[in-house]
Amino acid sequence: MNMKIEELKQLFDNQLFKELENYSDSLLSSSISYLLKIGGKRLRPVLCLAGNQLFNGDLNTAMPSALALEFFHNFTLMHDDIMDEAETRRGKPTVHTKFDENTAILGGDLMMIKAYEYLSKSPSDLFSNLFNRFNTTAEEVCIGQEMDMDFEDRNDVSEEEYIQMISLKTSVLFGTSLELGARTARCSPKDANSIYNFGKAMGISFQLIDDYLDSFGNAETFGKRIGGDIIQNKKTYLMIKSLNNLNANEKSELENWISLKEFEEEDKIKAVKELYQIAGADKDIIDLSKHYNKIAIEELNKINTSNKTLKEELIKLSESLLKRVE
């Protein structure tokens, strides 16, 4: 079966919406259904299914992992939005805005429980390995989120620390999504490692572009308010690079905006974006994203697969994540 990325997405959506038919009997279930139905790229579950198909596996063996990954990812979003005080997600009110904060906390907890429930439906001879990889990644994502929050109170975050943070918070889940799918097709350990590395590098490239779009994107297409990272003093690559590249007076101005407790949000966003551009950080972040995309494709080309069509589709997918800035 040679299915394209879009066909895998449609297949997953059909299964997901079938599952969600049972998620309306309580407020918590309704909050889960709401978040999952307002859209999203479904990148992680689709990558899982693609990893399975890349090695000519049976999609039925990969679907439990795909569902687990989507529920886990959205659990993190539900809780992240509370921590970031975000009002919109995918162009719609966040769960804690539409319902309330307690519902979002408990709804996220329930999503995590459901993720493990779905994963437990994997083939019994594969479950132990899939569970261990899933669990390790879940821990890494939480550590990455903690690092992200800790960075808000520091002005000395290095570029290396930032890459480590987004690797944990975002990109390891890309890699694991592909790896879990590949393992359900019983691929070789070498290929499992390469597909994981492809996803991890692609995830770093993806997050760099996401950080760029948070400051310089279009709110309608990005799905979130522009400038949220600036308001939260997030130590993104844009911020770190600017603190390193600006002259003394410009750096002092940026540090002043970071330290202010009271300010007009639009004024801060405008001023900080201008400093990012003066520092050349807006161009540097795109160049770095391209660098990691190149690494991703090199890793994908190491894989031994007869499904050349899907391999090309994955290359196009990786490149399409870069084109969001166009």
C-alpha atoms as a PDB file:
ATOM      1  CA  MET A   1       0.000   0.000   0.000  1.00  0.00           C
ATOM      2  CA  ASN A   2       1.585   3.282  -1.149  1.00  0.00           C
ATOM      3  CA  MET A   3      -0.362   6.035   0.563  1.00  0.00           C
ATOM      4  CA  LYS A   4       0.561   9.698   0.333  1.00  0.00           C
ATOM      5  CA  ILE A   5       0.954  12.010   3.317  1.00  0.00           C
ATOM      6  CA  GLU A   6      -2.422  13.642   2.741  1.00  0.00           C
ATOM      7  CA  GLU A   7      -4.098  10.246   2.494  1.00  0.00           C
ATOM      8  CA  LEU A   8      -2.498   9.199   5.786  1.00  0.00           C
ATOM      9  CA  LYS A   9      -3.765  12.396   7.389  1.00  0.00           C
ATOM     10  CA  GLN A  10      -7.292  11.704   6.150  1.00  0.00           C
ATOM     11  CA  LEU A  11      -7.092   8.132   7.394  1.00  0.00           C
ATOM     12  CA  PHE A  12      -5.979   9.315  10.822  1.00  0.00           C
ATOM     13  CA  ASP A  13      -8.617  12.057  10.996  1.00  0.00           C
ATOM     14  CA  ASN A  14     -11.325   9.520  10.198  1.00  0.00           C
ATOM     15  CA  GLN A  15     -10.146   7.285  13.041  1.00  0.00           C
ATOM     16  CA  LEU A  16      -9.707  10.195  15.445  1.00  0.00           C
ATOM     17  CA  PHE A  17     -13.198  11.573  14.838  1.00  0.00           C
ATOM     18  CA  LYS A  18     -14.608   8.079  15.258  1.00  0.00           C
ATOM     19  CA  GLU A  19     -12.889   7.924  18.654  1.00  0.00           C
ATOM     20  CA  LEU A  20     -14.204  11.363  19.597  1.00  0.00           C
ATOM     21  CA  GLU A  21     -17.807  10.250  19.183  1.00  0.00           C
ATOM     22  CA  ASN A  22     -17.445   8.943  22.740  1.00  0.00           C
ATOM     23  CA  TYR A  23     -16.010  12.202  24.103  1.00  0.00           C
ATOM     24  CA  SER A  24     -19.082  14.240  24.956  1.00  0.00           C
ATOM     25  CA  ASP A  25     -20.473  12.750  28.170  1.00  0.00           C
ATOM     26  CA  SER A  26     -18.673  15.117  30.547  1.00  0.00           C
ATOM     27  CA  LEU A  27     -17.102  18.567  30.718  1.00  0.00           C
ATOM     28  CA  LEU A  28     -13.596  17.079  30.618  1.00  0.00           C
ATOM     29  CA  SER A  29     -14.439  14.925  27.600  1.00  0.00           C
ATOM     30  CA  SER A  30     -15.958  17.956  25.899  1.00  0.00           C
ATOM     31  CA  SER A  31     -12.773  19.966  26.467  1.00  0.00           C
ATOM     32  CA  ILE A  32     -10.710  17.182  24.869  1.00  0.00           C
ATOM     33  CA  SER A  33     -13.055  16.887  21.916  1.00  0.00           C
ATOM     34  CA  TYR A  34     -13.057  20.671  21.470  1.00  0.00           C
ATOM     35  CA  LEU A  35      -9.275  20.942  21.251  1.00  0.00           C
ATOM     36  CA  LEU A  36      -8.856  17.975  18.927  1.00  0.00           C
ATOM     37  CA  LYS A  37     -11.645  19.090  16.594  1.00  0.00           C
ATOM     38  CA  ILE A  38     -10.433  22.662  16.036  1.00  0.00           C
ATOM     39  CA  GLY A  39      -7.817  21.411  13.614  1.00  0.00           C
ATOM     40  CA  GLY A  40      -4.059  21.117  13.623  1.00  0.00           C
ATOM     41  CA  LYS A  41      -1.577  19.679  11.170  1.00  0.00           C
ATOM     42  CA  ARG A  42      -1.685  16.200  12.792  1.00  0.00           C
ATOM     43  CA  LEU A  43       2.044  16.070  12.049  1.00  0.00           C
ATOM     44  CA  ARG A  44       2.993  13.627  14.783  1.00  0.00           C
ATOM     45  CA  PRO A  45       0.384  10.924  14.118  1.00  0.00           C
ATOM     46  CA  VAL A  46       0.872  11.272  10.370  1.00  0.00           C
ATOM     47  CA  LEU A  47       4.628  10.890  10.805  1.00  0.00           C
ATOM     48  CA  CYS A  48       3.947   7.760  12.845  1.00  0.00           C
ATOM     49  CA  LEU A  49       1.814   6.271  10.082  1.00  0.00           C
ATOM     50  CA  ALA A  50       4.384   7.359   7.483  1.00  0.00           C
ATOM     51  CA  GLY A  51       7.143   5.657   9.464  1.00  0.00           C
ATOM     52  CA  ASN A  52       5.103   2.464   9.361  1.00  0.00           C
ATOM     53  CA  GLN A  53       4.441   2.702   5.630  1.00  0.00           C
ATOM     54  CA  LEU A  54       8.034   3.585   4.809  1.00  0.00           C
ATOM     55  CA  PHE A  55       8.876   0.027   5.808  1.00  0.00           C
ATOM     56  CA  ASN A  56       5.724  -1.514   4.300  1.00  0.00           C
ATOM     57  CA  GLY A  57       4.042  -2.185   7.626  1.00  0.00           C
ATOM     58  CA  ASP A  58       0.422  -2.776   8.546  1.00  0.00           C
ATOM     59  CA  LEU A  59      -1.249   0.545   9.412  1.00  0.00           C
ATOM     60  CA  ASN A  60      -3.472  -1.185  11.961  1.00  0.00           C
ATOM     61  CA  THR A  61      -0.404  -1.892  14.099  1.00  0.00           C
ATOM     62  CA  ALA A  62       0.647   1.787  13.976  1.00  0.00           C
ATOM     63  CA  MET A  63      -2.736   3.438  14.635  1.00  0.00           C
ATOM     64  CA  PRO A  64      -2.637   2.946  18.456  1.00  0.00           C
ATOM     65  CA  SER A  65       0.725   4.739  18.587  1.00  0.00           C
ATOM     66  CA  ALA A  66      -0.550   7.487  16.283  1.00  0.00           C
ATOM     67  CA  LEU A  67      -3.545   8.129  18.537  1.00  0.00           C
ATOM     68  CA  ALA A  68      -1.345   8.059  21.639  1.00  0.00           C
ATOM     69  CA  LEU A  69       1.004  10.633  20.098  1.00  0.00           C
ATOM     70  CA  GLU A  70      -1.802  12.998  19.113  1.00  0.00           C
ATOM     71  CA  PHE A  71      -3.403  12.816  22.550  1.00  0.00           C
ATOM     72  CA  PHE A  72      -0.059  13.325  24.269  1.00  0.00           C
ATOM     73  CA  HIS A  73       0.844  16.284  22.055  1.00  0.00           C
ATOM     74  CA  ASN A  74      -2.476  17.992  22.680  1.00  0.00           C
ATOM     75  CA  PHE A  75      -2.180  17.326  26.407  1.00  0.00           C
ATOM     76  CA  THR A  76       1.048  19.355  26.342  1.00  0.00           C
ATOM     77  CA  LEU A  77      -0.649  22.131  24.352  1.00  0.00           C
ATOM     78  CA  MET A  78      -3.549  22.328  26.785  1.00  0.00           C
ATOM     79  CA  HIS A  79      -1.172  22.787  29.721  1.00  0.00           C
ATOM     80  CA  ASP A  80       1.330  24.968  27.822  1.00  0.00           C
ATOM     81  CA  ASP A  81      -1.430  27.428  26.949  1.00  0.00           C
ATOM     82  CA  ILE A  82      -2.167  27.867  30.658  1.00  0.00           C
ATOM     83  CA  MET A  83       1.512  28.450  31.474  1.00  0.00           C
ATOM     84  CA  ASP A  84       1.904  30.864  28.546  1.00  0.00           C
ATOM     85  CA  GLU A  85      -1.394  32.620  29.323  1.00  0.00           C
ATOM     86  CA  ALA A  86      -2.305  32.138  25.659  1.00  0.00           C
ATOM     87  CA  GLU A  87      -5.782  33.178  24.580  1.00  0.00           C
ATOM     88  CA  THR A  88      -5.929  31.491  21.171  1.00  0.00           C
ATOM     89  CA  ARG A  89      -4.842  28.176  19.692  1.00  0.00           C
ATOM     90  CA  ARG A  90      -5.287  27.402  15.991  1.00  0.00           C
ATOM     91  CA  GLY A  91      -7.262  30.618  15.685  1.00  0.00           C
ATOM     92  CA  LYS A  92      -9.790  29.573  18.352  1.00  0.00           C
ATOM     93  CA  PRO A  93     -10.063  30.258  22.102  1.00  0.00           C
ATOM     94  CA  THR A  94      -7.737  28.061  24.149  1.00  0.00           C
ATOM     95  CA  VAL A  95      -9.361  25.458  26.396  1.00  0.00           C
ATOM     96  CA  HIS A  96      -8.785  27.407  29.617  1.00  0.00           C
ATOM     97  CA  THR A  97     -10.287  30.496  27.937  1.00  0.00           C
ATOM     98  CA  LYS A  98     -13.364  28.735  26.554  1.00  0.00           C
ATOM     99  CA  PHE A  99     -13.979  26.589  29.628  1.00  0.00           C
ATOM    100  CA  ASP A 100     -11.830  27.453  32.660  1.00  0.00           C
ATOM    101  CA  GLU A 101      -8.341  26.764  33.978  1.00  0.00           C
ATOM    102  CA  ASN A 102      -9.303  23.821  36.188  1.00  0.00           C
ATOM    103  CA  THR A 103     -11.052  22.106  33.292  1.00  0.00           C
ATOM    104  CA  ALA A 104      -7.973  22.600  31.112  1.00  0.00           C
ATOM    105  CA  ILE A 105      -5.671  21.152  33.773  1.00  0.00           C
ATOM    106  CA  LEU A 106      -7.843  18.098  34.374  1.00  0.00           C
ATOM    107  CA  GLY A 107      -8.667  17.724  30.686  1.00  0.00           C
ATOM    108  CA  GLY A 108      -4.957  17.643  29.915  1.00  0.00           C
ATOM    109  CA  ASP A 109      -4.402  15.052  32.633  1.00  0.00           C
ATOM    110  CA  LEU A 110      -7.134  12.891  31.133  1.00  0.00           C
ATOM    111  CA  MET A 111      -5.583  13.192  27.681  1.00  0.00           C
ATOM    112  CA  MET A 112      -2.307  11.863  29.041  1.00  0.00           C
ATOM    113  CA  ILE A 113      -4.122   8.888  30.572  1.00  0.00           C
ATOM    114  CA  LYS A 114      -5.905   8.249  27.273  1.00  0.00           C
ATOM    115  CA  ALA A 115      -2.580   8.390  25.427  1.00  0.00           C
ATOM    116  CA  TYR A 116      -1.298   5.435  27.434  1.00  0.00           C
ATOM    117  CA  GLU A 117      -4.617   3.652  26.995  1.00  0.00           C
ATOM    118  CA  TYR A 118      -4.286   3.892  23.213  1.00  0.00           C
ATOM    119  CA  LEU A 119      -0.631   2.848  23.275  1.00  0.00           C
ATOM    120  CA  SER A 120      -1.572  -0.279  25.265  1.00  0.00           C
ATOM    121  CA  LYS A 121      -3.560  -1.486  22.244  1.00  0.00           C
ATOM    122  CA  SER A 122      -0.320  -1.998  20.283  1.00  0.00           C
ATOM    123  CA  PRO A 123       0.759  -5.556  19.341  1.00  0.00           C
ATOM    124  CA  SER A 124       1.803  -7.306  22.554  1.00  0.00           C
ATOM    125  CA  ASP A 125       5.256  -8.325  21.282  1.00  0.00           C
ATOM    126  CA  LEU A 126       6.058  -4.687  20.449  1.00  0.00           C
ATOM    127  CA  PHE A 127       4.448  -2.972  23.406  1.00  0.00           C
ATOM    128  CA  SER A 128       7.391  -2.987  25.828  1.00  0.00           C
ATOM    129  CA  ASN A 129       9.716  -1.306  23.338  1.00  0.00           C
ATOM    130  CA  LEU A 130       7.092   1.196  22.178  1.00  0.00           C
ATOM    131  CA  PHE A 131       6.168   2.017  25.781  1.00  0.00           C
ATOM    132  CA  ASN A 132       9.784   2.655  26.785  1.00  0.00           C
ATOM    133  CA  ARG A 133      10.442   4.934  23.809  1.00  0.00           C
ATOM    134  CA  PHE A 134       7.163   6.797  24.379  1.00  0.00           C
ATOM    135  CA  ASN A 135       7.858   7.199  28.087  1.00  0.00           C
ATOM    136  CA  THR A 136      11.407   8.473  27.588  1.00  0.00           C
ATOM    137  CA  THR A 137      10.157  11.030  25.095  1.00  0.00           C
ATOM    138  CA  ALA A 138       7.324  12.152  27.386  1.00  0.00           C
ATOM    139  CA  GLU A 139       9.882  12.815  30.129  1.00  0.00           C
ATOM    140  CA  GLU A 140      12.107  14.740  27.713  1.00  0.00           C
ATOM    141  CA  VAL A 141       9.211  16.934  26.573  1.00  0.00           C
ATOM    142  CA  CYS A 142       8.424  17.873  30.170  1.00  0.00           C
ATOM    143  CA  ILE A 143      12.084  18.682  30.851  1.00  0.00           C
ATOM    144  CA  GLY A 144      12.167  20.825  27.715  1.00  0.00           C
ATOM    145  CA  GLN A 145       9.097  22.751  28.859  1.00  0.00           C
ATOM    146  CA  GLU A 146      10.705  23.332  32.258  1.00  0.00           C
ATOM    147  CA  MET A 147      13.849  24.669  30.558  1.00  0.00           C
ATOM    148  CA  ASP A 148      11.731  26.991  28.427  1.00  0.00           C
ATOM    149  CA  MET A 149      10.027  28.424  31.489  1.00  0.00           C
ATOM    150  CA  ASP A 150      13.319  28.763  33.411  1.00  0.00           C
ATOM    151  CA  PHE A 151      14.901  30.662  30.520  1.00  0.00           C
ATOM    152  CA  GLU A 152      12.377  33.497  30.949  1.00  0.00           C
ATOM    153  CA  ASP A 153      14.272  34.696  34.034  1.00  0.00           C
ATOM    154  CA  ARG A 154      17.701  34.515  32.405  1.00  0.00           C
ATOM    155  CA  ASN A 155      19.458  36.828  29.943  1.00  0.00           C
ATOM    156  CA  ASP A 156      22.492  34.582  29.522  1.00  0.00           C
ATOM    157  CA  VAL A 157      20.886  31.653  27.688  1.00  0.00           C
ATOM    158  CA  SER A 158      23.268  30.347  25.033  1.00  0.00           C
ATOM    159  CA  GLU A 159      22.358  29.271  21.517  1.00  0.00           C
ATOM    160  CA  GLU A 160      23.423  25.724  22.458  1.00  0.00           C
ATOM    161  CA  GLU A 161      21.066  25.696  25.450  1.00  0.00           C
ATOM    162  CA  TYR A 162      18.236  26.940  23.269  1.00  0.00           C
ATOM    163  CA  ILE A 163      18.765  24.162  20.704  1.00  0.00           C
ATOM    164  CA  GLN A 164      18.856  21.626  23.534  1.00  0.00           C
ATOM    165  CA  MET A 165      15.599  23.017  24.908  1.00  0.00           C
ATOM    166  CA  ILE A 166      13.680  22.878  21.621  1.00  0.00           C
ATOM    167  CA  SER A 167      15.171  19.454  20.914  1.00  0.00           C
ATOM    168  CA  LEU A 168      13.555  18.196  24.109  1.00  0.00           C
ATOM    169  CA  LYS A 169      10.364  20.237  24.050  1.00  0.00           C
ATOM    170  CA  THR A 170       9.510  19.754  20.379  1.00  0.00           C
ATOM    171  CA  SER A 171      11.807  17.784  18.128  1.00  0.00           C
ATOM    172  CA  VAL A 172      12.218  14.516  20.058  1.00  0.00           C
ATOM    173  CA  LEU A 173       8.481  13.958  19.638  1.00  0.00           C
ATOM    174  CA  PHE A 174       8.853  14.288  15.859  1.00  0.00           C
ATOM    175  CA  GLY A 175      11.640  11.717  15.913  1.00  0.00           C
ATOM    176  CA  THR A 176       9.797   9.332  18.197  1.00  0.00           C
ATOM    177  CA  SER A 177       6.624   9.601  16.114  1.00  0.00           C
ATOM    178  CA  LEU A 178       8.481   8.320  13.064  1.00  0.00           C
ATOM    179  CA  GLU A 179      10.411   5.750  15.083  1.00  0.00           C
ATOM    180  CA  LEU A 180       7.323   4.249  16.734  1.00  0.00           C
ATOM    181  CA  GLY A 181       5.678   3.874  13.341  1.00  0.00           C
ATOM    182  CA  ALA A 182       8.810   2.298  11.874  1.00  0.00           C
ATOM    183  CA  ARG A 183       9.111  -0.108  14.802  1.00  0.00           C
ATOM    184  CA  THR A 184       5.518  -1.276  14.307  1.00  0.00           C
ATOM    185  CA  ALA A 185       6.697  -2.301  10.829  1.00  0.00           C
ATOM    186  CA  ARG A 186       9.608  -4.162  12.486  1.00  0.00           C
ATOM    187  CA  CYS A 187      12.338  -2.171  10.753  1.00  0.00           C
ATOM    188  CA  SER A 188      16.021  -2.697  11.538  1.00  0.00           C
ATOM    189  CA  PRO A 189      17.588  -0.901  14.548  1.00  0.00           C
ATOM    190  CA  LYS A 190      19.804   1.058  12.144  1.00  0.00           C
ATOM    191  CA  ASP A 191      16.814   2.325  10.169  1.00  0.00           C
ATOM    192  CA  ALA A 192      14.930   3.096  13.396  1.00  0.00           C
ATOM    193  CA  ASN A 193      17.848   5.284  14.484  1.00  0.00           C
ATOM    194  CA  SER A 194      18.043   7.082  11.125  1.00  0.00           C
ATOM    195  CA  ILE A 195      14.303   7.766  10.955  1.00  0.00           C
ATOM    196  CA  TYR A 196      14.421   9.101  14.520  1.00  0.00           C
ATOM    197  CA  ASN A 197      17.326  11.419  13.630  1.00  0.00           C
ATOM    198  CA  PHE A 198      15.465  12.617  10.545  1.00  0.00           C
ATOM    199  CA  GLY A 199      12.429  13.522  12.618  1.00  0.00           C
ATOM    200  CA  LYS A 200      14.472  15.169  15.354  1.00  0.00           C
ATOM    201  CA  ALA A 201      16.352  17.423  12.920  1.00  0.00           C
ATOM    202  CA  MET A 202      13.113  18.228  11.092  1.00  0.00           C
ATOM    203  CA  GLY A 203      11.528  19.096  14.451  1.00  0.00           C
ATOM    204  CA  ILE A 204      14.306  21.575  15.261  1.00  0.00           C
ATOM    205  CA  SER A 205      13.856  23.184  11.844  1.00  0.00           C
ATOM    206  CA  PHE A 206      10.090  23.311  12.434  1.00  0.00           C
ATOM    207  CA  GLN A 207      10.412  24.952  15.875  1.00  0.00           C
ATOM    208  CA  LEU A 208      12.854  27.581  14.598  1.00  0.00           C
ATOM    209  CA  ILE A 209      10.321  28.607  11.965  1.00  0.00           C
ATOM    210  CA  ASP A 210       7.545  28.555  14.571  1.00  0.00           C
ATOM    211  CA  ASP A 211       9.583  30.937  16.728  1.00  0.00           C
ATOM    212  CA  TYR A 212      10.134  33.187  13.727  1.00  0.00           C
ATOM    213  CA  LEU A 213       6.417  33.206  12.903  1.00  0.00           C
ATOM    214  CA  ASP A 214       5.512  34.031  16.505  1.00  0.00           C
ATOM    215  CA  SER A 215       7.184  37.396  15.955  1.00  0.00           C
ATOM    216  CA  PHE A 216       6.982  37.968  12.208  1.00  0.00           C
ATOM    217  CA  GLY A 217       4.088  35.810  11.028  1.00  0.00           C
ATOM    218  CA  ASN A 218       0.471  36.524  10.177  1.00  0.00           C
ATOM    219  CA  ALA A 219      -1.953  35.891  13.041  1.00  0.00           C
ATOM    220  CA  GLU A 220      -4.664  34.508  10.717  1.00  0.00           C
ATOM    221  CA  THR A 221      -2.423  31.862   9.155  1.00  0.00           C
ATOM    222  CA  PHE A 222      -0.276  31.215  12.244  1.00  0.00           C
ATOM    223  CA  GLY A 223      -3.332  30.616  14.434  1.00  0.00           C
ATOM    224  CA  LYS A 224      -1.951  32.452  17.454  1.00  0.00           C
ATOM    225  CA  ARG A 225      -1.448  36.041  18.463  1.00  0.00           C
ATOM    226  CA  ILE A 226       1.753  37.501  17.023  1.00  0.00           C
ATOM    227  CA  GLY A 227       4.272  38.593  19.647  1.00  0.00           C
ATOM    228  CA  GLY A 228       3.320  36.200  22.422  1.00  0.00           C
ATOM    229  CA  ASP A 229       6.925  35.073  22.896  1.00  0.00           C
ATOM    230  CA  ILE A 230       8.063  38.695  23.159  1.00  0.00           C
ATOM    231  CA  ILE A 231       5.460  39.497  25.814  1.00  0.00           C
ATOM    232  CA  GLN A 232       6.510  36.401  27.796  1.00  0.00           C
ATOM    233  CA  ASN A 233      10.244  37.222  27.410  1.00  0.00           C
ATOM    234  CA  LYS A 234      10.776  33.799  25.832  1.00  0.00           C
ATOM    235  CA  LYS A 235      14.448  33.177  25.155  1.00  0.00           C
ATOM    236  CA  THR A 236      13.966  32.152  21.559  1.00  0.00           C
ATOM    237  CA  TYR A 237      16.807  32.094  19.058  1.00  0.00           C
ATOM    238  CA  LEU A 238      15.667  35.563  17.947  1.00  0.00           C
ATOM    239  CA  MET A 239      16.136  36.943  21.451  1.00  0.00           C
ATOM    240  CA  ILE A 240      19.404  35.125  22.154  1.00  0.00           C
ATOM    241  CA  LYS A 241      20.969  36.082  18.825  1.00  0.00           C
ATOM    242  CA  SER A 242      19.933  39.704  19.263  1.00  0.00           C
ATOM    243  CA  LEU A 243      21.430  39.923  22.754  1.00  0.00           C
ATOM    244  CA  ASN A 244      24.689  38.626  21.249  1.00  0.00           C
ATOM    245  CA  ASN A 245      24.707  40.752  18.078  1.00  0.00           C
ATOM    246  CA  LEU A 246      23.436  44.184  19.144  1.00  0.00           C
ATOM    247  CA  ASN A 247      25.807  46.983  20.116  1.00  0.00           C
ATOM    248  CA  ALA A 248      25.909  48.164  23.728  1.00  0.00           C
ATOM    249  CA  ASN A 249      23.156  50.785  23.404  1.00  0.00           C
ATOM    250  CA  GLU A 250      20.837  48.524  21.417  1.00  0.00           C
ATOM    251  CA  LYS A 251      21.412  45.615  23.813  1.00  0.00           C
ATOM    252  CA  SER A 252      20.632  47.909  26.752  1.00  0.00           C
ATOM    253  CA  GLU A 253      17.367  48.888  25.067  1.00  0.00           C
ATOM    254  CA  LEU A 254      16.408  45.244  24.555  1.00  0.00           C
ATOM    255  CA  GLU A 255      17.296  44.372  28.141  1.00  0.00           C
ATOM    256  CA  ASN A 256      15.173  47.288  29.324  1.00  0.00           C
ATOM    257  CA  TRP A 257      12.131  45.942  27.472  1.00  0.00           C
ATOM    258  CA  ILE A 258      12.794  42.519  29.003  1.00  0.00           C
ATOM    259  CA  SER A 259      12.960  43.962  32.531  1.00  0.00           C
ATOM    260  CA  LEU A 260       9.851  46.149  32.344  1.00  0.00           C
ATOM    261  CA  LYS A 261       6.948  44.916  34.466  1.00  0.00           C
ATOM    262  CA  GLU A 262       4.425  47.368  33.049  1.00  0.00           C
ATOM    263  CA  PHE A 263       4.211  48.282  29.372  1.00  0.00           C
ATOM    264  CA  GLU A 264       1.919  48.631  26.404  1.00  0.00           C
ATOM    265  CA  GLU A 265       2.068  45.231  24.754  1.00  0.00           C
ATOM    266  CA  GLU A 266       1.949  46.481  21.161  1.00  0.00           C
ATOM    267  CA  ASP A 267       4.725  48.991  21.878  1.00  0.00           C
ATOM    268  CA  LYS A 268       6.957  46.253  23.262  1.00  0.00           C
ATOM    269  CA  ILE A 269       6.263  43.911  20.371  1.00  0.00           C
ATOM    270  CA  LYS A 270       7.036  46.608  17.798  1.00  0.00           C
ATOM    271  CA  ALA A 271      10.230  47.776  19.512  1.00  0.00           C
ATOM    272  CA  VAL A 272      11.622  44.282  20.123  1.00  0.00           C
ATOM    273  CA  LYS A 273      10.887  43.161  16.553  1.00  0.00           C
ATOM    274  CA  GLU A 274      12.802  46.161  15.241  1.00  0.00           C
ATOM    275  CA  LEU A 275      15.772  45.238  17.429  1.00  0.00           C
ATOM    276  CA  TYR A 276      15.607  41.665  16.140  1.00  0.00           C
ATOM    277  CA  GLN A 277      15.854  43.007  12.595  1.00  0.00           C
ATOM    278  CA  ILE A 278      18.700  45.376  13.445  1.00  0.00           C
ATOM    279  CA  ALA A 279      20.586  42.390  14.893  1.00  0.00           C
ATOM    280  CA  GLY A 280      19.876  40.318  11.768  1.00  0.00           C
ATOM    281  CA  ALA A 281      18.351  37.623  13.960  1.00  0.00           C
ATOM    282  CA  ASP A 282      15.291  37.341  11.698  1.00  0.00           C
ATOM    283  CA  LYS A 283      17.512  36.193   8.823  1.00  0.00           C
ATOM    284  CA  ASP A 284      19.818  34.069  10.974  1.00  0.00           C
ATOM    285  CA  ILE A 285      16.963  31.983  12.357  1.00  0.00           C
ATOM    286  CA  ILE A 286      15.763  31.094   8.871  1.00  0.00           C
ATOM    287  CA  ASP A 287      19.307  30.143   7.819  1.00  0.00           C
ATOM    288  CA  LEU A 288      19.633  27.911  10.885  1.00  0.00           C
ATOM    289  CA  SER A 289      16.299  26.272  10.120  1.00  0.00           C
ATOM    290  CA  LYS A 290      17.546  25.486   6.613  1.00  0.00           C
ATOM    291  CA  HIS A 291      20.700  23.976   8.116  1.00  0.00           C
ATOM    292  CA  TYR A 292      18.708  21.539  10.247  1.00  0.00           C
ATOM    293  CA  ASN A 293      16.423  20.713   7.342  1.00  0.00           C
ATOM    294  CA  LYS A 294      19.508  19.721   5.352  1.00  0.00           C
ATOM    295  CA  ILE A 295      20.633  17.459   8.213  1.00  0.00           C
ATOM    296  CA  ALA A 296      17.163  15.901   8.300  1.00  0.00           C
ATOM    297  CA  ILE A 297      17.224  15.009   4.616  1.00  0.00           C
ATOM    298  CA  GLU A 298      20.740  13.551   4.927  1.00  0.00           C
ATOM    299  CA  GLU A 299      19.460  11.249   7.691  1.00  0.00           C
ATOM    300  CA  LEU A 300      16.433  10.219   5.649  1.00  0.00           C
ATOM    301  CA  ASN A 301      18.672   9.305   2.724  1.00  0.00           C
ATOM    302  CA  LYS A 302      20.474   6.759   4.945  1.00  0.00           C
ATOM    303  CA  ILE A 303      17.298   4.689   5.214  1.00  0.00           C
ATOM    304  CA  ASN A 304      16.916   1.484   3.267  1.00  0.00           C
ATOM    305  CA  THR A 305      13.352   1.484   1.919  1.00  0.00           C
ATOM    306  CA  SER A 306      11.600   0.325  -1.207  1.00  0.00           C
ATOM    307  CA  ASN A 307       8.882   2.965  -0.740  1.00  0.00           C
ATOM    308  CA  LYS A 308      10.610   5.729  -2.692  1.00  0.00           C
ATOM    309  CA  THR A 309       7.358   7.629  -3.229  1.00  0.00           C
ATOM    310  CA  LEU A 310       6.733   8.127   0.479  1.00  0.00           C
ATOM    311  CA  LYS A 311      10.388   8.966   1.048  1.00  0.00           C
ATOM    312  CA  GLU A 312      10.052  11.800  -1.467  1.00  0.00           C
ATOM    313  CA  GLU A 313       6.835  12.872   0.252  1.00  0.00           C
ATOM    314  CA  LEU A 314       8.668  13.131   3.576  1.00  0.00           C
ATOM    315  CA  ILE A 315      11.372  15.262   1.968  1.00  0.00           C
ATOM    316  CA  LYS A 316       8.675  17.557   0.565  1.00  0.00           C
ATOM    317  CA  LEU A 317       6.983  17.699   3.964  1.00  0.00           C
ATOM    318  CA  SER A 318      10.237  18.705   5.641  1.00  0.00           C
ATOM    319  CA  GLU A 319      10.806  21.404   3.040  1.00  0.00           C
ATOM    320  CA  SER A 320       7.202  22.630   3.292  1.00  0.00           C
ATOM    321  CA  LEU A 321       7.687  23.432   6.972  1.00  0.00           C
ATOM    322  CA  LEU A 322      10.348  25.932   5.893  1.00  0.00           C
ATOM    323  CA  LYS A 323       8.066  27.512   3.314  1.00  0.00           C
ATOM    324  CA  ARG A 324       5.667  28.740   5.966  1.00  0.00           C
ATOM    325  CA  VAL A 325       7.707  31.955   6.072  1.00  0.00           C
ATOM    326  CA  GLU A 326       6.945  32.729   2.418  1.00  0.00           C
END
